[in-house]
PDB file of N, CA and C in Angstrom:
ATOM      1  N   MET A   1      23.231  20.889 -33.896  1.00  0.00           N
ATOM      2  CA  MET A   1      23.433  20.969 -32.467  1.00  0.00           C
ATOM      3  C   MET A   1      22.093  20.910 -31.707  1.00  0.00           C
ATOM      4  N   GLN A   2      21.097  21.608 -32.255  1.00  0.00           N
ATOM      5  CA  GLN A   2      19.776  21.616 -31.622  1.00  0.00           C
ATOM      6  C   GLN A   2      19.162  20.216 -31.610  1.00  0.00           C
ATOM      7  N   LYS A   3      19.432  19.448 -32.661  1.00  0.00           N
ATOM      8  CA  LYS A   3      18.922  18.080 -32.754  1.00  0.00           C
ATOM      9  C   LYS A   3      19.450  17.231 -31.595  1.00  0.00           C
ATOM     10  N   HIS A   4      20.736  17.398 -31.294  1.00  0.00           N
ATOM     11  CA  HIS A   4      21.339  16.649 -30.191  1.00  0.00           C
ATOM     12  C   HIS A   4      20.731  17.068 -28.856  1.00  0.00           C
ATOM     13  N   GLN A   5      20.543  18.368 -28.690  1.00  0.00           N
ATOM     14  CA  GLN A   5      19.954  18.865 -27.447  1.00  0.00           C
ATOM     15  C   GLN A   5      18.524  18.358 -27.286  1.00  0.00           C
ATOM     16  N   ASP A   6      17.767  18.313 -28.374  1.00  0.00           N
ATOM     17  CA  ASP A   6      16.402  17.781 -28.326  1.00  0.00           C
ATOM     18  C   ASP A   6      16.400  16.312 -27.923  1.00  0.00           C
ATOM     19  N   ALA A   7      17.344  15.548 -28.463  1.00  0.00           N
ATOM     20  CA  ALA A   7      17.448  14.124 -28.121  1.00  0.00           C
ATOM     21  C   ALA A   7      17.809  13.957 -26.651  1.00  0.00           C
ATOM     22  N   ILE A   8      18.727  14.774 -26.162  1.00  0.00           N
ATOM     23  CA  ILE A   8      19.119  14.714 -24.748  1.00  0.00           C
ATOM     24  C   ILE A   8      17.930  15.079 -23.862  1.00  0.00           C
ATOM     25  N   ASP A   9      17.225  16.140 -24.221  1.00  0.00           N
ATOM     26  CA  ASP A   9      16.058  16.560 -23.439  1.00  0.00           C
ATOM     27  C   ASP A   9      14.983  15.479 -23.413  1.00  0.00           C
ATOM     28  N   GLU A  10      14.762  14.839 -24.544  1.00  0.00           N
ATOM     29  CA  GLU A  10      13.775  13.762 -24.615  1.00  0.00           C
ATOM     30  C   GLU A  10      14.197  12.582 -23.741  1.00  0.00           C
ATOM     31  N   TYR A  11      15.477  12.221 -23.801  1.00  0.00           N
ATOM     32  CA  TYR A  11      15.996  11.126 -22.980  1.00  0.00           C
ATOM     33  C   TYR A  11      15.810  11.446 -21.496  1.00  0.00           C
ATOM     34  N   LEU A  12      16.176  12.667 -21.096  1.00  0.00           N
ATOM     35  CA  LEU A  12      16.059  13.050 -19.690  1.00  0.00           C
ATOM     36  C   LEU A  12      14.600  13.075 -19.226  1.00  0.00           C
ATOM     37  N   ALA A  13      13.706  13.513 -20.086  1.00  0.00           N
ATOM     38  CA  ALA A  13      12.284  13.531 -19.734  1.00  0.00           C
ATOM     39  C   ALA A  13      11.755  12.110 -19.539  1.00  0.00           C
ATOM     40  N   LYS A  14      12.136  11.207 -20.432  1.00  0.00           N
ATOM     41  CA  LYS A  14      11.701   9.809 -20.307  1.00  0.00           C
ATOM     42  C   LYS A  14      12.298   9.170 -19.061  1.00  0.00           C
ATOM     43  N   ARG A  15      13.554   9.484 -18.779  1.00  0.00           N
ATOM     44  CA  ARG A  15      14.220   8.931 -17.589  1.00  0.00           C
ATOM     45  C   ARG A  15      13.526   9.423 -16.317  1.00  0.00           C
ATOM     46  N   LYS A  16      13.213  10.714 -16.281  1.00  0.00           N
ATOM     47  CA  LYS A  16      12.514  11.275 -15.125  1.00  0.00           C
ATOM     48  C   LYS A  16      11.160  10.594 -14.939  1.00  0.00           C
ATOM     49  N   GLU A  17      10.436  10.406 -16.031  1.00  0.00           N
ATOM     50  CA  GLU A  17       9.131   9.746 -15.967  1.00  0.00           C
ATOM     51  C   GLU A  17       9.271   8.307 -15.470  1.00  0.00           C
ATOM     52  N   ARG A  18      10.292   7.599 -15.939  1.00  0.00           N
ATOM     53  CA  ARG A  18      10.523   6.217 -15.523  1.00  0.00           C
ATOM     54  C   ARG A  18      10.846   6.151 -14.026  1.00  0.00           C
ATOM     55  N   ILE A  19      11.664   7.088 -13.550  1.00  0.00           N
ATOM     56  CA  ILE A  19      12.009   7.125 -12.129  1.00  0.00           C
ATOM     57  C   ILE A  19      10.765   7.399 -11.290  1.00  0.00           C
ATOM     58  N   GLU A  20       9.939   8.343 -11.724  1.00  0.00           N
ATOM     59  CA  GLU A  20       8.709   8.650 -10.990  1.00  0.00           C
ATOM     60  C   GLU A  20       7.757   7.456 -10.986  1.00  0.00           C
ATOM     61  N   THR A  21       7.672   6.758 -12.102  1.00  0.00           N
ATOM     62  CA  THR A  21       6.814   5.573 -12.190  1.00  0.00           C
ATOM     63  C   THR A  21       7.313   4.481 -11.251  1.00  0.00           C
ATOM     64  N   GLU A  22       8.627   4.267 -11.228  1.00  0.00           N
ATOM     65  CA  GLU A  22       9.197   3.256 -10.333  1.00  0.00           C
ATOM     66  C   GLU A  22       8.950   3.620  -8.876  1.00  0.00           C
ATOM     67  N   ARG A  23       9.089   4.888  -8.552  1.00  0.00           N
ATOM     68  CA  ARG A  23       8.850   5.351  -7.178  1.00  0.00           C
ATOM     69  C   ARG A  23       7.384   5.115  -6.793  1.00  0.00           C
ATOM     70  N   GLU A  24       6.472   5.447  -7.693  1.00  0.00           N
ATOM     71  CA  GLU A  24       5.042   5.241  -7.442  1.00  0.00           C
ATOM     72  C   GLU A  24       4.729   3.747  -7.302  1.00  0.00           C
ATOM     73  N   ASN A  25       5.351   2.921  -8.131  1.00  0.00           N
ATOM     74  CA  ASN A  25       5.139   1.472  -8.035  1.00  0.00           C
ATOM     75  C   ASN A  25       5.597   0.938  -6.684  1.00  0.00           C
ATOM     76  N   ARG A  26       6.745   1.395  -6.209  1.00  0.00           N
ATOM     77  CA  ARG A  26       7.232   0.953  -4.891  1.00  0.00           C
ATOM     78  C   ARG A  26       6.275   1.387  -3.787  1.00  0.00           C
ATOM     79  N   ARG A  27       5.766   2.617  -3.890  1.00  0.00           N
ATOM     80  CA  ARG A  27       4.824   3.112  -2.889  1.00  0.00           C
ATOM     81  C   ARG A  27       3.554   2.265  -2.891  1.00  0.00           C
ATOM     82  N   LEU A  28       3.053   1.944  -4.081  1.00  0.00           N
ATOM     83  CA  LEU A  28       1.840   1.131  -4.180  1.00  0.00           C
ATOM     84  C   LEU A  28       2.076  -0.296  -3.698  1.00  0.00           C
ATOM     85  N   GLU A  29       3.251  -0.849  -3.980  1.00  0.00           N
ATOM     86  CA  GLU A  29       3.571  -2.192  -3.488  1.00  0.00           C
ATOM     87  C   GLU A  29       3.592  -2.214  -1.967  1.00  0.00           C
ATOM     88  N   ALA A  30       4.153  -1.184  -1.350  1.00  0.00           N
ATOM     89  CA  ALA A  30       4.182  -1.104   0.111  1.00  0.00           C
ATOM     90  C   ALA A  30       2.764  -0.966   0.670  1.00  0.00           C
ATOM     91  N   LYS A  31       1.957  -0.151   0.008  1.00  0.00           N
ATOM     92  CA  LYS A  31       0.573   0.019   0.453  1.00  0.00           C
ATOM     93  C   LYS A  31      -0.197  -1.291   0.317  1.00  0.00           C
ATOM     94  N   ASN A  32      -0.001  -2.002  -0.781  1.00  0.00           N
ATOM     95  CA  ASN A  32      -0.666  -3.292  -0.976  1.00  0.00           C
ATOM     96  C   ASN A  32      -0.242  -4.293   0.090  1.00  0.00           C
ATOM     97  N   ALA A  33       1.030  -4.278   0.449  1.00  0.00           N
ATOM     98  CA  ALA A  33       1.512  -5.183   1.498  1.00  0.00           C
ATOM     99  C   ALA A  33       0.817  -4.869   2.822  1.00  0.00           C
ATOM    100  N   ARG A  34       0.671  -3.584   3.129  1.00  0.00           N
ATOM    101  CA  ARG A  34      -0.026  -3.196   4.364  1.00  0.00           C
ATOM    102  C   ARG A  34      -1.480  -3.644   4.330  1.00  0.00           C
ATOM    103  N   LEU A  35      -2.128  -3.488   3.185  1.00  0.00           N
ATOM    104  CA  LEU A  35      -3.530  -3.905   3.074  1.00  0.00           C
ATOM    105  C   LEU A  35      -3.675  -5.416   3.192  1.00  0.00           C
ATOM    106  N   ARG A  36      -2.742  -6.166   2.598  1.00  0.00           N
ATOM    107  CA  ARG A  36      -2.776  -7.631   2.746  1.00  0.00           C
ATOM    108  C   ARG A  36      -2.614  -8.022   4.210  1.00  0.00           C
ATOM    109  N   GLU A  37      -1.730  -7.332   4.920  1.00  0.00           N
ATOM    110  CA  GLU A  37      -1.522  -7.605   6.343  1.00  0.00           C
ATOM    111  C   GLU A  37      -2.786  -7.270   7.137  1.00  0.00           C
ATOM    112  N   LEU A  38      -3.440  -6.183   6.784  1.00  0.00           N
ATOM    113  CA  LEU A  38      -4.685  -5.805   7.456  1.00  0.00           C
ATOM    114  C   LEU A  38      -5.769  -6.850   7.219  1.00  0.00           C
ATOM    115  N   ILE A  39      -5.890  -7.321   5.990  1.00  0.00           N
ATOM    116  CA  ILE A  39      -6.879  -8.358   5.676  1.00  0.00           C
ATOM    117  C   ILE A  39      -6.595  -9.618   6.481  1.00  0.00           C
ATOM    118  N   LYS A  40      -5.326  -9.993   6.567  1.00  0.00           N
ATOM    119  CA  LYS A  40      -4.950 -11.176   7.347  1.00  0.00           C
ATOM    120  C   LYS A  40      -5.337 -10.981   8.819  1.00  0.00           C
ATOM    121  N   THR A  41      -5.087  -9.794   9.352  1.00  0.00           N
ATOM    122  CA  THR A  41      -5.437  -9.501  10.742  1.00  0.00           C
ATOM    123  C   THR A  41      -6.947  -9.575  10.948  1.00  0.00           C
ATOM    124  N   LEU A  42      -7.701  -9.018  10.001  1.00  0.00           N
ATOM    125  CA  LEU A  42      -9.166  -9.077  10.111  1.00  0.00           C
ATOM    126  C   LEU A  42      -9.676 -10.509  10.026  1.00  0.00           C
ATOM    127  N   LYS A  43      -9.074 -11.319   9.162  1.00  0.00           N
ATOM    128  CA  LYS A  43      -9.478 -12.725   9.055  1.00  0.00           C
ATOM    129  C   LYS A  43      -9.216 -13.460  10.364  1.00  0.00           C
ATOM    130  N   LEU A  44      -8.061 -13.213  10.975  1.00  0.00           N
ATOM    131  CA  LEU A  44      -7.756 -13.856  12.256  1.00  0.00           C
ATOM    132  C   LEU A  44      -8.763 -13.435  13.322  1.00  0.00           C
ATOM    133  N   HIS A  45      -9.130 -12.162  13.316  1.00  0.00           N
ATOM    134  CA  HIS A  45     -10.120 -11.679  14.278  1.00  0.00           C
ATOM    135  C   HIS A  45     -11.472 -12.355  14.036  1.00  0.00           C
ATOM    136  N   ALA A  46     -11.835 -12.506  12.767  1.00  0.00           N
ATOM    137  CA  ALA A  46     -13.106 -13.158  12.431  1.00  0.00           C
ATOM    138  C   ALA A  46     -13.096 -14.618  12.869  1.00  0.00           C
ATOM    139  N   VAL A  47     -11.957 -15.287  12.714  1.00  0.00           N
ATOM    140  CA  VAL A  47     -11.844 -16.684  13.150  1.00  0.00           C
ATOM    141  C   VAL A  47     -12.032 -16.773  14.657  1.00  0.00           C
ATOM    142  N   ARG A  48     -11.442 -15.836  15.390  1.00  0.00           N
ATOM    143  CA  ARG A  48     -11.621 -15.838  16.851  1.00  0.00           C
ATOM    144  C   ARG A  48     -13.094 -15.643  17.207  1.00  0.00           C
ATOM    145  N   CYS A  49     -13.774 -14.770  16.467  1.00  0.00           N
ATOM    146  CA  CYS A  49     -15.207 -14.560  16.725  1.00  0.00           C
ATOM    147  C   CYS A  49     -15.994 -15.834  16.419  1.00  0.00           C
ATOM    148  N   ASP A  50     -15.630 -16.520  15.329  1.00  0.00           N
ATOM    149  CA  ASP A  50     -16.292 -17.783  14.989  1.00  0.00           C
ATOM    150  C   ASP A  50     -16.066 -18.815  16.083  1.00  0.00           C
ATOM    151  N   ALA A  51     -14.869 -18.841  16.632  1.00  0.00           N
ATOM    152  CA  ALA A  51     -14.561 -19.794  17.699  1.00  0.00           C
ATOM    153  C   ALA A  51     -15.408 -19.504  18.933  1.00  0.00           C
ATOM    154  N   ASP A  52     -15.705 -18.230  19.142  1.00  0.00           N
ATOM    155  CA  ASP A  52     -16.566 -17.838  20.264  1.00  0.00           C
ATOM    156  C   ASP A  52     -18.046 -17.994  19.916  1.00  0.00           C
ATOM    157  N   GLU A  53     -18.317 -18.445  18.671  1.00  0.00           N
ATOM    158  CA  GLU A  53     -19.676 -18.641  18.165  1.00  0.00           C
ATOM    159  C   GLU A  53     -20.514 -17.371  18.252  1.00  0.00           C
ATOM    160  N   ARG A  54     -19.928 -16.294  17.789  1.00  0.00           N
ATOM    161  CA  ARG A  54     -20.667 -15.034  17.729  1.00  0.00           C
ATOM    162  C   ARG A  54     -20.274 -14.302  16.451  1.00  0.00           C
ATOM    163  N   ALA A  55     -21.120 -13.406  16.032  1.00  0.00           N
ATOM    164  CA  ALA A  55     -20.852 -12.640  14.807  1.00  0.00           C
ATOM    165  C   ALA A  55     -19.879 -11.504  15.108  1.00  0.00           C
ATOM    166  N   ILE A  56     -19.025 -11.231  14.141  1.00  0.00           N
ATOM    167  CA  ILE A  56     -18.118 -10.095  14.288  1.00  0.00           C
ATOM    168  C   ILE A  56     -18.935  -8.812  14.142  1.00  0.00           C
ATOM    169  N   GLN A  57     -18.689  -7.871  15.007  1.00  0.00           N
ATOM    170  CA  GLN A  57     -19.440  -6.620  15.020  1.00  0.00           C
ATOM    171  C   GLN A  57     -18.691  -5.542  14.223  1.00  0.00           C
ATOM    172  N   PRO A  58     -19.436  -4.653  13.560  1.00  0.00           N
ATOM    173  CA  PRO A  58     -18.776  -3.603  12.767  1.00  0.00           C
ATOM    174  C   PRO A  58     -17.777  -2.773  13.570  1.00  0.00           C
ATOM    175  N   TYR A  59     -18.114  -2.450  14.819  1.00  0.00           N
ATOM    176  CA  TYR A  59     -17.191  -1.644  15.617  1.00  0.00           C
ATOM    177  C   TYR A  59     -15.881  -2.394  15.866  1.00  0.00           C
ATOM    178  N   GLU A  60     -15.945  -3.727  15.906  1.00  0.00           N
ATOM    179  CA  GLU A  60     -14.723  -4.507  16.103  1.00  0.00           C
ATOM    180  C   GLU A  60     -13.812  -4.399  14.883  1.00  0.00           C
ATOM    181  N   ILE A  61     -14.412  -4.397  13.710  1.00  0.00           N
ATOM    182  CA  ILE A  61     -13.628  -4.239  12.479  1.00  0.00           C
ATOM    183  C   ILE A  61     -12.939  -2.879  12.494  1.00  0.00           C
ATOM    184  N   ILE A  62     -13.688  -1.854  12.859  1.00  0.00           N
ATOM    185  CA  ILE A  62     -13.119  -0.507  12.914  1.00  0.00           C
ATOM    186  C   ILE A  62     -11.993  -0.447  13.942  1.00  0.00           C
ATOM    187  N   ASP A  63     -12.182  -1.088  15.095  1.00  0.00           N
ATOM    188  CA  ASP A  63     -11.135  -1.111  16.119  1.00  0.00           C
ATOM    189  C   ASP A  63      -9.866  -1.775  15.602  1.00  0.00           C
ATOM    190  N   VAL A  64     -10.023  -2.893  14.904  1.00  0.00           N
ATOM    191  CA  VAL A  64      -8.861  -3.602  14.362  1.00  0.00           C
ATOM    192  C   VAL A  64      -8.154  -2.734  13.322  1.00  0.00           C
ATOM    193  N   ILE A  65      -8.923  -2.089  12.455  1.00  0.00           N
ATOM    194  CA  ILE A  65      -8.323  -1.218  11.436  1.00  0.00           C
ATOM    195  C   ILE A  65      -7.579  -0.064  12.101  1.00  0.00           C
ATOM    196  N   ASN A  66      -8.203   0.581  13.076  1.00  0.00           N
ATOM    197  CA  ASN A  66      -7.555   1.700  13.761  1.00  0.00           C
ATOM    198  C   ASN A  66      -6.282   1.264  14.462  1.00  0.00           C
ATOM    199  N   GLU A  67      -6.332   0.125  15.119  1.00  0.00           N
ATOM    200  CA  GLU A  67      -5.147  -0.383  15.802  1.00  0.00           C
ATOM    201  C   GLU A  67      -4.039  -0.685  14.798  1.00  0.00           C
ATOM    202  N   PHE A  68      -4.395  -1.302  13.690  1.00  0.00           N
ATOM    203  CA  PHE A  68      -3.406  -1.626  12.665  1.00  0.00           C
ATOM    204  C   PHE A  68      -2.778  -0.359  12.099  1.00  0.00           C
ATOM    205  N   MET A  69      -3.590   0.647  11.835  1.00  0.00           N
ATOM    206  CA  MET A  69      -3.076   1.881  11.246  1.00  0.00           C
ATOM    207  C   MET A  69      -2.125   2.590  12.201  1.00  0.00           C
ATOM    208  N   GLU A  70      -2.333   2.448  13.496  1.00  0.00           N
ATOM    209  CA  GLU A  70      -1.457   3.084  14.479  1.00  0.00           C
ATOM    210  C   GLU A  70      -0.117   2.380  14.586  1.00  0.00           C
ATOM    211  N   VAL A  71      -0.112   1.055  14.488  1.00  0.00           N
ATOM    212  CA  VAL A  71       1.125   0.302  14.712  1.00  0.00           C
ATOM    213  C   VAL A  71       1.710  -0.285  13.448  1.00  0.00           C
ATOM    214  N   GLY A  72       1.018  -0.151  12.324  1.00  0.00           N
ATOM    215  CA  GLY A  72       1.485  -0.741  11.073  1.00  0.00           C
ATOM    216  C   GLY A  72       2.681  -0.012  10.497  1.00  0.00           C
ATOM    217  N   PRO A  73       3.324  -0.625   9.505  1.00  0.00           N
ATOM    218  CA  PRO A  73       4.472   0.007   8.863  1.00  0.00           C
ATOM    219  C   PRO A  73       4.033   1.235   8.076  1.00  0.00           C
ATOM    220  N   SER A  74       4.956   2.153   7.855  1.00  0.00           N
ATOM    221  CA  SER A  74       4.619   3.380   7.130  1.00  0.00           C
ATOM    222  C   SER A  74       4.570   3.129   5.633  1.00  0.00           C
ATOM    223  N   ASP A  75       4.060   4.117   4.887  1.00  0.00           N
ATOM    224  CA  ASP A  75       3.951   4.028   3.427  1.00  0.00           C
ATOM    225  C   ASP A  75       5.261   4.331   2.721  1.00  0.00           C
ATOM    226  N   ASN A  76       6.276   4.661   3.432  1.00  0.00           N
ATOM    227  CA  ASN A  76       7.540   5.079   2.788  1.00  0.00           C
ATOM    228  C   ASN A  76       8.160   4.011   1.972  1.00  0.00           C
TER     229      ASN A  76
END
């Protein structure tokens, strides 16, 4: 009987670990999507600066990041 209980406990532990791993993977995928969107936004800003024939300033990068973080999708 103990052997069966040990097998059940092992199965449940592995299942719990798999669920937690899947949850973490989804969270990381969402975070990666947000970062890709941020990079795209920064590239567009840099292109606009190039069109104006001026260098992008560090404070502008920070402004774009801050704006994105305020209006971007959540990590959920």
